[in-house]
């Protein structure tokens, strides 16, 4: 499976998101290639349909889908869990989203 972490330079949380993601993938012995994708212009944000940093995509699809919007721009992204809002997904959030993705027919295994 191909995993991308989209972020903008200066994002304070993308490295934590990457670390958590790699930890979940390693724990589950998932065959995955993780790529960091920098998004530094509003034009790139629009072209990539970038809802904010960090965004994690598996095989081109957002692990935490958001509604389509008319405009995309550089900015931070928030993730909601039972404890409130966070700047990056937790270990549990990533594991659940990856399992859901796998059961939806995505290639790769967890």
C-alpha atoms as a PDB file:
ATOM      1  CA  UNK A   1       0.000   0.000   0.000  1.00  0.00           C
ATOM      2  CA  UNK A   2       1.151   3.537  -0.690  1.00  0.00           C
ATOM      3  CA  UNK A   3       0.804   6.008   2.178  1.00  0.00           C
ATOM      4  CA  UNK A   4       1.351   9.750   1.848  1.00  0.00           C
ATOM      5  CA  UNK A   5       1.652  12.314   4.620  1.00  0.00           C
ATOM      6  CA  UNK A   6       0.834  15.706   3.107  1.00  0.00           C
ATOM      7  CA  UNK A   7       2.023  18.760   5.027  1.00  0.00           C
ATOM      8  CA  UNK A   8       3.280  22.313   4.616  1.00  0.00           C
ATOM      9  CA  UNK A   9       6.702  23.528   5.719  1.00  0.00           C
ATOM     10  CA  UNK A  10       6.412  24.881   9.223  1.00  0.00           C
ATOM     11  CA  UNK A  11       3.563  22.564  10.251  1.00  0.00           C
ATOM     12  CA  UNK A  12       4.229  21.758  13.901  1.00  0.00           C
ATOM     13  CA  UNK A  13       2.481  18.373  13.901  1.00  0.00           C
ATOM     14  CA  UNK A  14       3.232  16.455  10.711  1.00  0.00           C
ATOM     15  CA  UNK A  15       6.324  14.763  12.166  1.00  0.00           C
ATOM     16  CA  UNK A  16       4.281  13.435  15.097  1.00  0.00           C
ATOM     17  CA  UNK A  17       1.631  12.175  12.663  1.00  0.00           C
ATOM     18  CA  UNK A  18       4.332  10.452  10.593  1.00  0.00           C
ATOM     19  CA  UNK A  19       5.899   8.882  13.695  1.00  0.00           C
ATOM     20  CA  UNK A  20       2.544   7.594  14.944  1.00  0.00           C
ATOM     21  CA  UNK A  21       1.644   6.273  11.488  1.00  0.00           C
ATOM     22  CA  UNK A  22       4.964   4.450  11.069  1.00  0.00           C
ATOM     23  CA  UNK A  23       4.539   2.943  14.540  1.00  0.00           C
ATOM     24  CA  UNK A  24       1.087   1.564  13.704  1.00  0.00           C
ATOM     25  CA  UNK A  25       2.289   0.195  10.361  1.00  0.00           C
ATOM     26  CA  UNK A  26       5.322  -1.465  11.990  1.00  0.00           C
ATOM     27  CA  UNK A  27       3.274  -2.950  14.823  1.00  0.00           C
ATOM     28  CA  UNK A  28       0.863  -4.481  12.324  1.00  0.00           C
ATOM     29  CA  UNK A  29       3.698  -5.566   9.985  1.00  0.00           C
ATOM     30  CA  UNK A  30       1.902  -3.803   7.139  1.00  0.00           C
ATOM     31  CA  UNK A  31       3.605  -3.656   3.781  1.00  0.00           C
ATOM     32  CA  UNK A  32       3.560   0.048   3.084  1.00  0.00           C
ATOM     33  CA  UNK A  33       5.671   2.738   1.504  1.00  0.00           C
ATOM     34  CA  UNK A  34       5.349   6.032   3.398  1.00  0.00           C
ATOM     35  CA  UNK A  35       6.100   9.221   1.477  1.00  0.00           C
ATOM     36  CA  UNK A  36       6.188  12.779   2.789  1.00  0.00           C
ATOM     37  CA  UNK A  37       4.559  15.221   0.364  1.00  0.00           C
ATOM     38  CA  UNK A  38       5.198  18.920   0.922  1.00  0.00           C
ATOM     39  CA  UNK A  39       2.421  21.315  -0.080  1.00  0.00           C
ATOM     40  CA  UNK A  40       3.742  24.875   0.009  1.00  0.00           C
ATOM     41  CA  UNK A  41       1.508  26.901  -2.305  1.00  0.00           C
ATOM     42  CA  UNK A  42      -2.214  27.509  -2.498  1.00  0.00           C
ATOM     43  CA  UNK A  43      -2.048  26.255  -6.085  1.00  0.00           C
ATOM     44  CA  UNK A  44      -0.588  22.932  -4.899  1.00  0.00           C
ATOM     45  CA  UNK A  45      -3.196  22.791  -2.126  1.00  0.00           C
ATOM     46  CA  UNK A  46      -5.987  23.176  -4.674  1.00  0.00           C
ATOM     47  CA  UNK A  47      -4.478  20.711  -7.145  1.00  0.00           C
ATOM     48  CA  UNK A  48      -3.974  18.086  -4.414  1.00  0.00           C
ATOM     49  CA  UNK A  49      -7.340  18.802  -2.712  1.00  0.00           C
ATOM     50  CA  UNK A  50      -5.398  19.439   0.503  1.00  0.00           C
ATOM     51  CA  UNK A  51      -7.721  19.948   3.507  1.00  0.00           C
ATOM     52  CA  UNK A  52      -4.889  20.816   5.896  1.00  0.00           C
ATOM     53  CA  UNK A  53      -1.698  19.617   7.493  1.00  0.00           C
ATOM     54  CA  UNK A  54      -1.161  16.829   8.255  1.00  0.00           C
ATOM     55  CA  UNK A  55      -3.287  14.835   5.793  1.00  0.00           C
ATOM     56  CA  UNK A  56      -2.742  11.096   5.494  1.00  0.00           C
ATOM     57  CA  UNK A  57      -3.732   9.313   2.304  1.00  0.00           C
ATOM     58  CA  UNK A  58      -3.652   5.601   1.532  1.00  0.00           C
ATOM     59  CA  UNK A  59      -3.541   4.708  -2.145  1.00  0.00           C
ATOM     60  CA  UNK A  60      -4.642   8.258  -2.947  1.00  0.00           C
ATOM     61  CA  UNK A  61      -7.622   8.402  -0.563  1.00  0.00           C
ATOM     62  CA  UNK A  62      -7.806  10.439   2.632  1.00  0.00           C
ATOM     63  CA  UNK A  63      -7.860   8.177   5.709  1.00  0.00           C
ATOM     64  CA  UNK A  64     -10.125  10.730   7.369  1.00  0.00           C
ATOM     65  CA  UNK A  65     -12.348  11.969   4.520  1.00  0.00           C
ATOM     66  CA  UNK A  66     -13.681  15.507   4.545  1.00  0.00           C
ATOM     67  CA  UNK A  67     -16.397  16.993   2.331  1.00  0.00           C
ATOM     68  CA  UNK A  68     -15.301  18.368  -1.034  1.00  0.00           C
ATOM     69  CA  UNK A  69     -14.931  22.121  -1.012  1.00  0.00           C
ATOM     70  CA  UNK A  70     -14.637  24.900  -3.535  1.00  0.00           C
ATOM     71  CA  UNK A  71     -11.284  26.092  -2.280  1.00  0.00           C
ATOM     72  CA  UNK A  72      -8.256  24.522  -0.674  1.00  0.00           C
ATOM     73  CA  UNK A  73      -5.414  26.405   0.976  1.00  0.00           C
ATOM     74  CA  UNK A  74      -2.513  25.965   3.350  1.00  0.00           C
ATOM     75  CA  UNK A  75      -3.556  25.517   6.957  1.00  0.00           C
ATOM     76  CA  UNK A  76      -3.577  23.205   9.935  1.00  0.00           C
ATOM     77  CA  UNK A  77      -5.963  20.299  10.234  1.00  0.00           C
ATOM     78  CA  UNK A  78      -7.749  19.083  13.352  1.00  0.00           C
ATOM     79  CA  UNK A  79      -8.802  15.534  14.222  1.00  0.00           C
ATOM     80  CA  UNK A  80     -11.656  14.755  16.622  1.00  0.00           C
ATOM     81  CA  UNK A  81     -11.700  11.822  18.995  1.00  0.00           C
ATOM     82  CA  UNK A  82     -13.502  10.983  22.237  1.00  0.00           C
ATOM     83  CA  UNK A  83     -11.088  13.202  24.167  1.00  0.00           C
ATOM     84  CA  UNK A  84     -11.627  16.253  21.977  1.00  0.00           C
ATOM     85  CA  UNK A  85      -9.726  17.884  19.129  1.00  0.00           C
ATOM     86  CA  UNK A  86      -6.135  16.984  18.289  1.00  0.00           C
ATOM     87  CA  UNK A  87      -3.585  18.327  15.811  1.00  0.00           C
ATOM     88  CA  UNK A  88      -2.793  14.831  14.501  1.00  0.00           C
ATOM     89  CA  UNK A  89      -4.514  11.440  14.650  1.00  0.00           C
ATOM     90  CA  UNK A  90      -3.810   9.148  17.573  1.00  0.00           C
ATOM     91  CA  UNK A  91      -2.435   5.624  17.330  1.00  0.00           C
ATOM     92  CA  UNK A  92      -5.945   4.230  17.836  1.00  0.00           C
ATOM     93  CA  UNK A  93      -7.503   6.568  15.256  1.00  0.00           C
ATOM     94  CA  UNK A  94      -4.935   5.539  12.647  1.00  0.00           C
ATOM     95  CA  UNK A  95      -5.302   1.839  13.414  1.00  0.00           C
ATOM     96  CA  UNK A  96      -9.111   2.014  13.153  1.00  0.00           C
ATOM     97  CA  UNK A  97      -8.988   4.020   9.902  1.00  0.00           C
ATOM     98  CA  UNK A  98      -6.463   1.640   8.343  1.00  0.00           C
ATOM     99  CA  UNK A  99      -8.533  -1.414   9.337  1.00  0.00           C
ATOM    100  CA  UNK A 100     -11.643   0.232   7.883  1.00  0.00           C
ATOM    101  CA  UNK A 101      -9.755   1.019   4.687  1.00  0.00           C
ATOM    102  CA  UNK A 102      -8.547  -2.572   4.418  1.00  0.00           C
ATOM    103  CA  UNK A 103     -12.032  -3.991   4.914  1.00  0.00           C
ATOM    104  CA  UNK A 104     -13.287  -1.640   2.202  1.00  0.00           C
ATOM    105  CA  UNK A 105     -11.237  -3.497  -0.387  1.00  0.00           C
ATOM    106  CA  UNK A 106      -8.012  -1.467  -0.440  1.00  0.00           C
ATOM    107  CA  UNK A 107      -4.858  -3.331  -1.383  1.00  0.00           C
ATOM    108  CA  UNK A 108      -2.357  -4.208   1.309  1.00  0.00           C
ATOM    109  CA  UNK A 109      -2.882  -5.872   4.623  1.00  0.00           C
ATOM    110  CA  UNK A 110      -2.931  -4.995   8.274  1.00  0.00           C
END
